[in-house]
Amino acid sequence: MNSKRNVLIFIGLFLAAVFLTAETQALKERFIQRKPAIDALKNQEKVGENNVGKLVVRGQVNAKENEIVNAENTDRETVYQEIAGGLNITSLEVGKRRALQIANLASPGHWLQNPDGQWRRK
């Protein structure tokens, strides 16, 4: 359990380092700009967080909302791949670990997918 915690801490630190580079500044800004829209979608129960660190549409969304979800997932995958390369693991494994962090930070009522695939509200 302690080694998993250390890996999660390392991922967090590595993620911070990735965001400090000039080439990822635009990526960071996109995450920040999308956050209010994504929070609104989560609060409206239109999207949830799956068990591999991606957003999943769970309700009716319009084209713009779907575009936001797709853009977020694309940028998340970019970050996961960057982290995975630094840790010599797969981006899927990074996503799974990030999903655990997201679940811990989620607001009450948000939809989350457990590691076993079951959906629940926090």
C-alpha atoms as a PDB file:
ATOM      1  CA  MET A   1       0.000   0.000   0.000  1.00  0.00           C
ATOM      2  CA  ASN A   2       2.861   2.359   0.835  1.00  0.00           C
ATOM      3  CA  SER A   3       4.519   1.769  -2.547  1.00  0.00           C
ATOM      4  CA  LYS A   4       1.247   2.655  -4.328  1.00  0.00           C
ATOM      5  CA  ARG A   5       1.086   5.887  -2.328  1.00  0.00           C
ATOM      6  CA  ASN A   6       4.673   6.687  -3.265  1.00  0.00           C
ATOM      7  CA  VAL A   7       3.915   6.081  -6.940  1.00  0.00           C
ATOM      8  CA  LEU A   8       0.860   8.359  -6.732  1.00  0.00           C
ATOM      9  CA  ILE A   9       2.980  11.055  -5.111  1.00  0.00           C
ATOM     10  CA  PHE A  10       5.620  10.637  -7.804  1.00  0.00           C
ATOM     11  CA  ILE A  11       2.970  10.887 -10.531  1.00  0.00           C
ATOM     12  CA  GLY A  12       1.696  14.086  -8.957  1.00  0.00           C
ATOM     13  CA  LEU A  13       5.191  15.551  -8.840  1.00  0.00           C
ATOM     14  CA  PHE A  14       5.934  14.436 -12.374  1.00  0.00           C
ATOM     15  CA  LEU A  15       2.660  15.950 -13.563  1.00  0.00           C
ATOM     16  CA  ALA A  16       3.650  19.235 -11.946  1.00  0.00           C
ATOM     17  CA  ALA A  17       7.024  19.096 -13.690  1.00  0.00           C
ATOM     18  CA  VAL A  18       5.362  18.437 -17.034  1.00  0.00           C
ATOM     19  CA  PHE A  19       3.188  21.502 -16.596  1.00  0.00           C
ATOM     20  CA  LEU A  20       6.210  23.678 -15.872  1.00  0.00           C
ATOM     21  CA  THR A  21       7.682  23.220 -19.339  1.00  0.00           C
ATOM     22  CA  ALA A  22       6.965  25.919 -21.898  1.00  0.00           C
ATOM     23  CA  GLU A  23       5.633  23.512 -24.527  1.00  0.00           C
ATOM     24  CA  THR A  24       2.869  22.295 -22.208  1.00  0.00           C
ATOM     25  CA  GLN A  25       1.717  25.740 -21.128  1.00  0.00           C
ATOM     26  CA  ALA A  26      -1.036  25.710 -23.778  1.00  0.00           C
ATOM     27  CA  LEU A  27      -2.160  22.297 -22.554  1.00  0.00           C
ATOM     28  CA  LYS A  28      -2.378  23.571 -18.986  1.00  0.00           C
ATOM     29  CA  GLU A  29      -4.376  26.599 -20.112  1.00  0.00           C
ATOM     30  CA  ARG A  30      -6.853  24.380 -21.959  1.00  0.00           C
ATOM     31  CA  PHE A  31      -7.396  22.307 -18.811  1.00  0.00           C
ATOM     32  CA  ILE A  32      -8.002  25.463 -16.792  1.00  0.00           C
ATOM     33  CA  GLN A  33     -10.368  26.951 -19.393  1.00  0.00           C
ATOM     34  CA  ARG A  34     -12.449  23.754 -19.631  1.00  0.00           C
ATOM     35  CA  LYS A  35     -12.707  23.117 -15.890  1.00  0.00           C
ATOM     36  CA  PRO A  36     -15.846  25.222 -15.237  1.00  0.00           C
ATOM     37  CA  ALA A  37     -17.695  23.588 -18.139  1.00  0.00           C
ATOM     38  CA  ILE A  38     -16.637  20.109 -17.042  1.00  0.00           C
ATOM     39  CA  ASP A  39     -17.644  20.803 -13.441  1.00  0.00           C
ATOM     40  CA  ALA A  40     -21.052  21.952 -14.697  1.00  0.00           C
ATOM     41  CA  LEU A  41     -21.449  18.774 -16.765  1.00  0.00           C
ATOM     42  CA  LYS A  42     -20.555  16.669 -13.730  1.00  0.00           C
ATOM     43  CA  ASN A  43     -22.962  18.619 -11.500  1.00  0.00           C
ATOM     44  CA  GLN A  44     -25.730  18.080 -14.075  1.00  0.00           C
ATOM     45  CA  GLU A  45     -24.873  14.350 -14.104  1.00  0.00           C
ATOM     46  CA  LYS A  46     -24.188  14.487 -17.836  1.00  0.00           C
ATOM     47  CA  VAL A  47     -20.661  13.098 -17.473  1.00  0.00           C
ATOM     48  CA  GLY A  48     -18.776  10.912 -15.044  1.00  0.00           C
ATOM     49  CA  GLU A  49     -15.184   9.889 -14.437  1.00  0.00           C
ATOM     50  CA  ASN A  50     -14.339   6.366 -15.528  1.00  0.00           C
ATOM     51  CA  ASN A  51     -11.792   4.028 -13.971  1.00  0.00           C
ATOM     52  CA  VAL A  52      -9.035   4.887 -16.463  1.00  0.00           C
ATOM     53  CA  GLY A  53      -8.969   8.636 -15.872  1.00  0.00           C
ATOM     54  CA  LYS A  54     -11.283   9.756 -18.665  1.00  0.00           C
ATOM     55  CA  LEU A  55     -14.649  11.476 -18.860  1.00  0.00           C
ATOM     56  CA  VAL A  56     -17.647   9.455 -20.028  1.00  0.00           C
ATOM     57  CA  VAL A  57     -20.919  10.918 -21.270  1.00  0.00           C
ATOM     58  CA  ARG A  58     -23.729   9.577 -19.071  1.00  0.00           C
ATOM     59  CA  GLY A  59     -26.615  11.811 -20.118  1.00  0.00           C
ATOM     60  CA  GLN A  60     -27.818  13.977 -22.966  1.00  0.00           C
ATOM     61  CA  VAL A  61     -25.141  16.380 -24.176  1.00  0.00           C
ATOM     62  CA  ASN A  62     -25.164  18.800 -27.066  1.00  0.00           C
ATOM     63  CA  ALA A  63     -22.455  19.001 -29.722  1.00  0.00           C
ATOM     64  CA  LYS A  64     -20.462  21.688 -27.855  1.00  0.00           C
ATOM     65  CA  GLU A  65     -20.534  19.693 -24.607  1.00  0.00           C
ATOM     66  CA  ASN A  66     -19.444  16.550 -26.435  1.00  0.00           C
ATOM     67  CA  GLU A  67     -16.594  18.531 -28.006  1.00  0.00           C
ATOM     68  CA  ILE A  68     -15.476  19.645 -24.530  1.00  0.00           C
ATOM     69  CA  VAL A  69     -15.466  16.048 -23.260  1.00  0.00           C
ATOM     70  CA  ASN A  70     -13.512  14.819 -26.278  1.00  0.00           C
ATOM     71  CA  ALA A  71     -10.954  17.642 -26.012  1.00  0.00           C
ATOM     72  CA  GLU A  72     -10.463  16.965 -22.299  1.00  0.00           C
ATOM     73  CA  ASN A  73      -9.938  13.251 -22.880  1.00  0.00           C
ATOM     74  CA  THR A  74      -7.468  13.930 -25.696  1.00  0.00           C
ATOM     75  CA  ASP A  75      -5.425  16.270 -23.512  1.00  0.00           C
ATOM     76  CA  ARG A  76      -5.558  13.883 -20.559  1.00  0.00           C
ATOM     77  CA  GLU A  77      -4.221  11.091 -22.777  1.00  0.00           C
ATOM     78  CA  THR A  78      -1.368  13.367 -23.889  1.00  0.00           C
ATOM     79  CA  VAL A  79      -0.404  13.958 -20.260  1.00  0.00           C
ATOM     80  CA  TYR A  80      -0.792  10.272 -19.351  1.00  0.00           C
ATOM     81  CA  GLN A  81       1.503   9.275 -22.209  1.00  0.00           C
ATOM     82  CA  GLU A  82       4.105  11.830 -21.109  1.00  0.00           C
ATOM     83  CA  ILE A  83       4.003  10.546 -17.538  1.00  0.00           C
ATOM     84  CA  ALA A  84       4.069   6.908 -18.683  1.00  0.00           C
ATOM     85  CA  GLY A  85       7.198   7.506 -20.727  1.00  0.00           C
ATOM     86  CA  GLY A  86       8.943   8.978 -17.701  1.00  0.00           C
ATOM     87  CA  LEU A  87       7.926   6.078 -15.466  1.00  0.00           C
ATOM     88  CA  ASN A  88       8.334   3.292 -18.035  1.00  0.00           C
ATOM     89  CA  ILE A  89       4.720   2.143 -17.583  1.00  0.00           C
ATOM     90  CA  THR A  90       1.678   2.298 -19.876  1.00  0.00           C
ATOM     91  CA  SER A  91      -0.539   5.347 -20.221  1.00  0.00           C
ATOM     92  CA  LEU A  92      -3.432   3.071 -19.224  1.00  0.00           C
ATOM     93  CA  GLU A  93      -1.760   2.394 -15.875  1.00  0.00           C
ATOM     94  CA  VAL A  94      -1.218   6.125 -15.373  1.00  0.00           C
ATOM     95  CA  GLY A  95      -4.894   6.717 -16.185  1.00  0.00           C
ATOM     96  CA  LYS A  96      -5.996   4.110 -13.657  1.00  0.00           C
ATOM     97  CA  ARG A  97      -3.890   5.724 -10.962  1.00  0.00           C
ATOM     98  CA  ARG A  98      -5.164   9.171 -11.918  1.00  0.00           C
ATOM     99  CA  ALA A  99      -8.747   7.857 -11.716  1.00  0.00           C
ATOM    100  CA  LEU A 100      -8.138   7.024  -8.049  1.00  0.00           C
ATOM    101  CA  GLN A 101      -6.929  10.579  -7.413  1.00  0.00           C
ATOM    102  CA  ILE A 102      -9.901  12.042  -9.271  1.00  0.00           C
ATOM    103  CA  ALA A 103     -12.293   9.884  -7.225  1.00  0.00           C
ATOM    104  CA  ASN A 104     -10.767  11.133  -3.987  1.00  0.00           C
ATOM    105  CA  LEU A 105     -11.165  14.758  -5.103  1.00  0.00           C
ATOM    106  CA  ALA A 106     -14.648  14.365  -6.615  1.00  0.00           C
ATOM    107  CA  SER A 107     -17.561  16.334  -5.224  1.00  0.00           C
ATOM    108  CA  PRO A 108     -20.504  14.558  -3.637  1.00  0.00           C
ATOM    109  CA  GLY A 109     -23.021  13.441  -6.258  1.00  0.00           C
ATOM    110  CA  HIS A 110     -20.517  13.097  -9.091  1.00  0.00           C
ATOM    111  CA  TRP A 111     -20.527   9.834 -11.035  1.00  0.00           C
ATOM    112  CA  LEU A 112     -17.445   7.632 -10.672  1.00  0.00           C
ATOM    113  CA  GLN A 113     -16.584   4.233 -12.075  1.00  0.00           C
ATOM    114  CA  ASN A 114     -15.031   1.797  -9.625  1.00  0.00           C
ATOM    115  CA  PRO A 115     -12.008  -0.280 -10.685  1.00  0.00           C
ATOM    116  CA  ASP A 116     -14.404  -3.230 -11.178  1.00  0.00           C
ATOM    117  CA  GLY A 117     -16.454  -1.225 -13.715  1.00  0.00           C
ATOM    118  CA  GLN A 118     -19.451  -0.452 -11.511  1.00  0.00           C
ATOM    119  CA  TRP A 119     -20.751   3.136 -11.525  1.00  0.00           C
ATOM    120  CA  ARG A 120     -21.588   4.960  -8.307  1.00  0.00           C
ATOM    121  CA  ARG A 121     -22.234   8.434  -7.053  1.00  0.00           C
ATOM    122  CA  LYS A 122     -19.789   9.820  -4.563  1.00  0.00           C
END
